[in-house]
Protein backbone atom coordinates (compact mmCIF):
# COMPACT_ATOMS: atom_id res chain seq x y z
CA MET A 1 95.27 -52.04 75.04
CA ALA A 2 92.95 -49.00 75.08
CA PRO A 3 95.27 -46.75 73.06
CA SER A 4 95.91 -49.60 70.63
CA ARG A 5 92.20 -50.24 70.21
CA SER A 6 91.55 -46.51 69.78
CA CYS A 7 94.25 -46.33 67.09
CA TYR A 8 92.70 -49.34 65.33
CA ALA A 9 89.24 -47.71 65.40
CA THR A 10 90.70 -44.50 63.94
CA LEU A 11 92.42 -46.39 61.11
CA LYS A 12 89.24 -48.34 60.42
CA THR A 13 87.18 -45.14 60.21
CA ALA A 14 89.77 -43.50 57.96
CA MET A 15 89.76 -46.57 55.71
CA ILE A 16 85.96 -46.51 55.41
CA CYS A 17 85.83 -42.76 54.70
CA PHE A 18 88.64 -42.87 52.15
CA ASN A 19 87.14 -45.78 50.24
CA THR A 20 83.66 -44.28 50.33
CA ILE A 21 85.14 -41.34 48.40
CA ILE A 22 86.82 -43.78 45.98
CA PHE A 23 83.49 -45.56 45.47
CA VAL A 24 81.70 -42.28 44.72
CA VAL A 25 84.45 -41.29 42.25
CA GLY A 26 84.07 -44.66 40.51
CA CYS A 27 80.30 -44.26 40.22
CA THR A 28 80.80 -40.74 38.85
CA LEU A 29 83.15 -42.07 36.16
CA VAL A 30 80.59 -44.71 35.19
CA ALA A 31 77.86 -42.05 34.94
CA LEU A 32 80.14 -39.84 32.86
CA GLY A 33 80.98 -42.74 30.54
CA LEU A 34 77.30 -43.60 30.05
CA TRP A 35 76.47 -39.94 29.32
CA ILE A 36 79.27 -39.72 26.72
CA LYS A 37 78.08 -42.96 25.09
CA LEU A 38 74.42 -41.88 24.99
CA GLU A 39 75.27 -38.38 23.74
CA SER A 40 77.80 -39.54 21.11
CA THR A 41 75.23 -38.97 18.34
CA SER A 42 74.90 -35.32 19.34
CA PHE A 43 78.70 -34.95 19.41
CA VAL A 44 78.89 -36.29 15.86
CA ARG A 45 76.27 -33.83 14.63
CA VAL A 46 78.01 -30.87 16.23
CA LEU A 47 81.71 -31.73 15.89
CA GLY A 48 81.77 -34.02 12.86
CA SER A 49 82.41 -37.71 12.24
CA THR A 50 85.78 -37.75 13.99
CA SER A 51 84.01 -37.16 17.29
CA VAL A 52 82.89 -40.83 17.28
CA ASN A 53 86.11 -41.30 19.28
CA PHE A 54 84.12 -39.89 22.20
CA VAL A 55 82.41 -43.29 22.35
CA HIS A 56 85.76 -44.95 23.08
CA ILE A 57 86.41 -42.41 25.84
CA GLY A 58 82.97 -43.28 27.22
CA TYR A 59 83.77 -47.00 27.31
CA PHE A 60 87.11 -46.24 28.97
CA CYS A 61 85.38 -44.17 31.68
CA ILE A 62 82.85 -46.94 32.28
CA VAL A 63 85.50 -49.67 32.65
CA VAL A 64 87.77 -47.55 34.87
CA GLY A 65 84.78 -46.38 36.89
CA ILE A 66 83.60 -49.93 37.55
CA VAL A 67 87.10 -51.00 38.66
CA VAL A 68 87.48 -47.95 40.94
CA ALA A 69 83.98 -48.41 42.41
CA MET A 70 84.61 -52.09 43.10
CA LEU A 71 87.94 -51.25 44.71
CA GLY A 72 86.34 -48.61 46.91
CA PHE A 73 83.54 -50.98 47.90
CA MET A 74 86.05 -53.72 48.67
CA GLY A 75 88.13 -51.48 50.94
CA CYS A 76 85.10 -49.98 52.67
CA TRP A 77 83.33 -53.31 53.21
CA GLY A 78 86.54 -55.07 54.22
CA ALA A 79 87.26 -52.48 56.90
CA ALA A 80 83.65 -52.31 58.14
CA LYS A 81 83.29 -56.10 58.39
CA GLU A 82 86.93 -56.62 59.40
CA SER A 83 87.38 -59.13 56.60
CA ARG A 84 91.01 -60.19 56.27
CA CYS A 85 90.36 -61.68 52.81
CA LEU A 86 88.93 -58.44 51.39
CA LEU A 87 91.62 -56.32 53.03
CA LEU A 88 94.35 -58.52 51.56
CA MET A 89 92.74 -58.40 48.10
CA TYR A 90 92.42 -54.63 48.40
CA PHE A 91 96.09 -54.30 49.34
CA LEU A 92 97.25 -56.49 46.47
CA ILE A 93 95.12 -54.69 43.87
CA MET A 94 96.29 -51.29 45.11
CA LEU A 95 99.88 -52.54 44.99
CA VAL A 96 99.47 -53.66 41.37
CA ILE A 97 97.92 -50.29 40.43
CA PHE A 98 100.69 -48.42 42.24
CA ILE A 99 103.43 -50.41 40.49
CA ALA A 100 101.68 -49.92 37.12
CA GLU A 101 101.55 -46.15 37.67
CA ILE A 102 105.23 -45.99 38.61
CA THR A 103 106.11 -48.09 35.54
CA ALA A 104 104.00 -45.87 33.27
CA ALA A 105 105.68 -42.75 34.68
CA VAL A 106 109.15 -44.20 34.03
CA ILE A 107 108.18 -45.20 30.47
CA VAL A 108 106.72 -41.75 29.73
CA PHE A 109 109.87 -40.09 31.08
CA ALA A 110 112.16 -42.41 29.12
CA PHE A 111 110.32 -42.08 25.80
CA THR A 112 109.34 -38.40 25.98
CA GLN A 113 111.82 -37.35 23.30
CA PHE A 114 110.85 -40.28 21.06
CA ALA A 115 107.14 -39.48 21.38
CA ARG A 116 107.86 -35.79 20.82
CA SER A 117 109.65 -36.51 17.54
CA ILE A 118 106.75 -38.68 16.33
CA VAL A 119 104.15 -36.01 17.16
CA LEU A 120 106.30 -33.36 15.49
CA ASP A 121 106.67 -35.42 12.33
CA LYS A 122 102.98 -36.33 12.12
CA SER A 123 101.91 -32.72 12.74
CA LEU A 124 104.15 -31.38 10.00
CA THR A 125 102.98 -34.05 7.54
CA ALA A 126 99.31 -33.27 8.24
CA LEU A 127 99.92 -29.53 7.83
CA LYS A 128 101.73 -29.90 4.50
CA LYS A 129 99.40 -32.47 2.94
CA LYS A 130 95.94 -31.76 4.36
CA TYR A 131 95.72 -28.13 5.47
CA SER A 132 93.36 -26.22 3.15
CA GLY A 133 93.34 -22.67 4.50
CA TYR A 134 91.61 -20.04 6.61
CA LYS A 135 87.92 -20.71 7.45
CA HIS A 136 87.95 -24.17 5.86
CA ASP A 137 85.90 -26.59 7.94
CA ASP A 138 87.63 -29.93 7.29
CA ILE A 139 89.02 -31.45 10.49
CA VAL A 140 92.71 -30.74 9.82
CA SER A 141 92.20 -27.14 8.69
CA TYR A 142 89.75 -26.40 11.49
CA GLY A 143 92.12 -27.81 14.09
CA TRP A 144 95.13 -25.89 12.82
CA ASN A 145 93.18 -22.66 12.50
CA ALA A 146 91.99 -23.09 16.09
CA PHE A 147 95.58 -23.45 17.27
CA MET A 148 97.09 -20.68 15.16
CA LEU A 149 94.38 -18.07 15.52
CA LYS A 150 92.12 -18.67 18.50
CA PHE A 151 89.73 -21.12 20.14
CA PRO A 152 86.50 -19.95 18.51
CA ILE A 153 83.77 -22.17 20.01
CA GLY A 154 82.52 -23.16 23.43
CA THR A 155 84.39 -26.39 24.11
CA MET A 156 87.76 -25.08 22.98
CA ARG A 157 87.22 -21.80 24.81
CA ILE A 158 86.57 -23.74 28.03
CA VAL A 159 89.81 -25.68 27.48
CA ALA A 160 91.70 -22.42 27.03
CA GLU A 161 90.25 -20.99 30.24
CA ARG A 162 91.06 -24.17 32.18
CA LEU A 163 94.66 -23.88 31.00
CA GLY A 164 94.82 -20.39 32.39
CA GLY A 165 94.68 -18.56 29.07
CA ASP A 166 92.12 -16.73 27.02
CA ALA A 167 90.64 -17.11 23.55
CA GLN A 168 93.94 -16.04 21.97
CA LEU A 169 95.76 -18.99 23.52
CA LEU A 170 98.75 -19.81 21.30
CA ASN A 171 99.08 -17.08 18.66
CA CYS A 172 101.43 -19.13 16.50
CA CYS A 173 102.06 -20.11 12.88
CA GLY A 174 102.78 -23.56 11.47
CA VAL A 175 104.59 -26.31 13.33
CA HIS A 176 108.00 -24.59 13.49
CA ASN A 177 107.06 -21.27 11.83
CA TYR A 178 105.48 -19.90 8.63
CA THR A 179 108.10 -21.62 6.42
CA ASP A 180 106.32 -24.93 7.07
CA PHE A 181 103.79 -23.92 4.40
CA SER A 182 106.50 -23.85 1.75
CA GLY A 183 105.74 -26.59 -0.80
CA SER A 184 102.53 -27.54 1.00
CA ALA A 185 99.21 -28.35 -0.64
CA PHE A 186 97.96 -24.99 0.63
CA GLN A 187 100.75 -23.04 -1.09
CA ILE A 188 100.43 -25.01 -4.33
CA ARG A 189 96.70 -24.29 -4.43
CA THR A 190 96.77 -20.62 -3.39
CA ASN A 191 100.34 -19.49 -4.20
CA LEU A 192 100.42 -17.84 -0.75
CA THR A 193 103.30 -18.07 1.73
CA TYR A 194 101.01 -18.48 4.74
CA PRO A 195 97.26 -18.48 5.58
CA LYS A 196 95.39 -15.66 7.31
CA SER A 197 95.35 -17.77 10.47
CA CYS A 198 99.03 -16.89 10.96
CA CYS A 199 98.28 -13.17 11.12
CA LYS A 200 97.99 -11.20 14.32
CA ASP A 201 95.01 -9.49 12.68
CA PRO A 202 93.50 -11.63 9.87
CA MET A 203 91.36 -8.68 8.73
CA SER A 204 94.38 -6.39 8.25
CA LEU A 205 95.30 -5.37 4.69
CA ALA A 206 98.91 -6.26 5.50
CA CYS A 207 97.80 -9.86 6.02
CA ASN A 208 98.10 -10.71 2.33
CA GLY A 209 99.80 -14.09 2.45
CA HIS A 210 103.18 -12.66 1.44
CA ASN A 211 104.16 -10.06 4.06
CA VAL A 212 106.16 -12.06 6.64
CA SER A 213 106.96 -9.13 8.93
CA SER A 214 106.86 -9.89 12.67
CA VAL A 215 104.40 -7.00 12.94
CA VAL A 216 101.96 -8.83 10.65
CA ILE A 217 102.28 -12.55 11.45
CA ASN A 218 103.13 -14.67 14.48
CA GLN A 219 106.71 -15.84 14.07
CA GLU A 220 106.75 -18.71 16.58
CA GLY A 221 105.58 -22.23 15.73
CA CYS A 222 102.60 -23.89 17.45
CA PHE A 223 104.50 -27.01 18.50
CA HIS A 224 107.04 -25.12 20.59
CA LYS A 225 104.36 -22.93 22.12
CA LEU A 226 102.26 -25.97 23.02
CA VAL A 227 105.27 -27.68 24.61
CA SER A 228 105.95 -24.52 26.63
CA LEU A 229 102.33 -24.43 27.76
CA VAL A 230 102.47 -28.06 28.91
CA LYS A 231 105.71 -27.38 30.79
CA GLU A 232 104.08 -24.45 32.56
CA LYS A 233 101.28 -26.75 33.78
CA SER A 234 103.53 -29.74 34.48
CA LEU A 235 104.13 -28.66 38.09
CA LEU A 236 100.39 -28.71 38.79
CA LEU A 237 99.93 -32.05 37.02
CA GLY A 238 102.96 -33.51 38.79
CA GLY A 239 101.65 -32.33 42.15
CA ALA A 240 98.26 -33.92 41.52
CA ALA A 241 99.88 -37.20 40.44
CA THR A 242 102.17 -37.19 43.49
CA GLY A 243 99.21 -36.51 45.78
CA ALA A 244 97.24 -39.40 44.26
CA ALA A 245 100.24 -41.73 44.64
CA LEU A 246 100.67 -40.74 48.30
CA LEU A 247 96.97 -41.39 48.98
CA GLU A 248 97.24 -44.83 47.36
CA LEU A 249 100.34 -45.58 49.41
CA ALA A 250 98.57 -44.48 52.60
CA ALA A 251 95.57 -46.66 51.74
CA MET A 252 97.84 -49.67 51.21
CA ILE A 253 99.61 -49.11 54.54
CA VAL A 254 96.32 -48.72 56.44
CA SER A 255 94.81 -51.82 54.82
CA LEU A 256 97.93 -53.83 55.66
CA ILE A 257 97.90 -52.63 59.29
CA LEU A 258 94.23 -53.57 59.65
CA TYR A 259 94.94 -56.96 58.07
CA VAL A 260 97.80 -57.65 60.49
CA LYS A 261 95.81 -56.52 63.55
CA LEU A 262 92.99 -58.92 62.64
CA VAL A 263 95.31 -61.93 62.95
């Protein structure tokens, strides 16, 4: 009985510690969501009207944070008080979340090519119809210039560094290549084959909008470079997702063992 009781006490302690971490993570998400919501006005002033979408991200963080915090509290309190009801609820909720994650992963895997074709089509349409040119500050032009040339401001520079790159992250031109500007609103307005953002050195005299030499402009499209970048980081993301799934599975097993031993 002693070894069994000792094993039970160890599982109980592990359950409490694990769910205390979950509770703290949930509270952190709620705090982050509230900060994003309260600072949304500042985001709009700095980044433009499209940054109001930060508010939706804030609400999402708040909702997810509350659910995660409640789940952590439920598991921690259920283990501490040896409540079979709370442990069973915890197990069932974790099971639902686990199944939802597996389902989402299968759907993403199955529809990757479909989603890729949609993103490709939308990107090309936006580039042809709404791109204005180098140093234009409308949202489409600014975004494309940031991709093709560099990440010029703080937030985007941080993203580049987190992805393991530098300010010159993609060094690309167009969606597929510089021919994407053919027949675009940009070409009709300027009569140029490509914008300065496509050039390896926008200040070079050779960067005249007509010289398409590989010495002057980046020949590879941004979409393919971005896909390659994501693939490079997919191992890290996959490892993190697998680790989270294993932790959830371990938590479910521990909660079920504690529930059974309390019979």
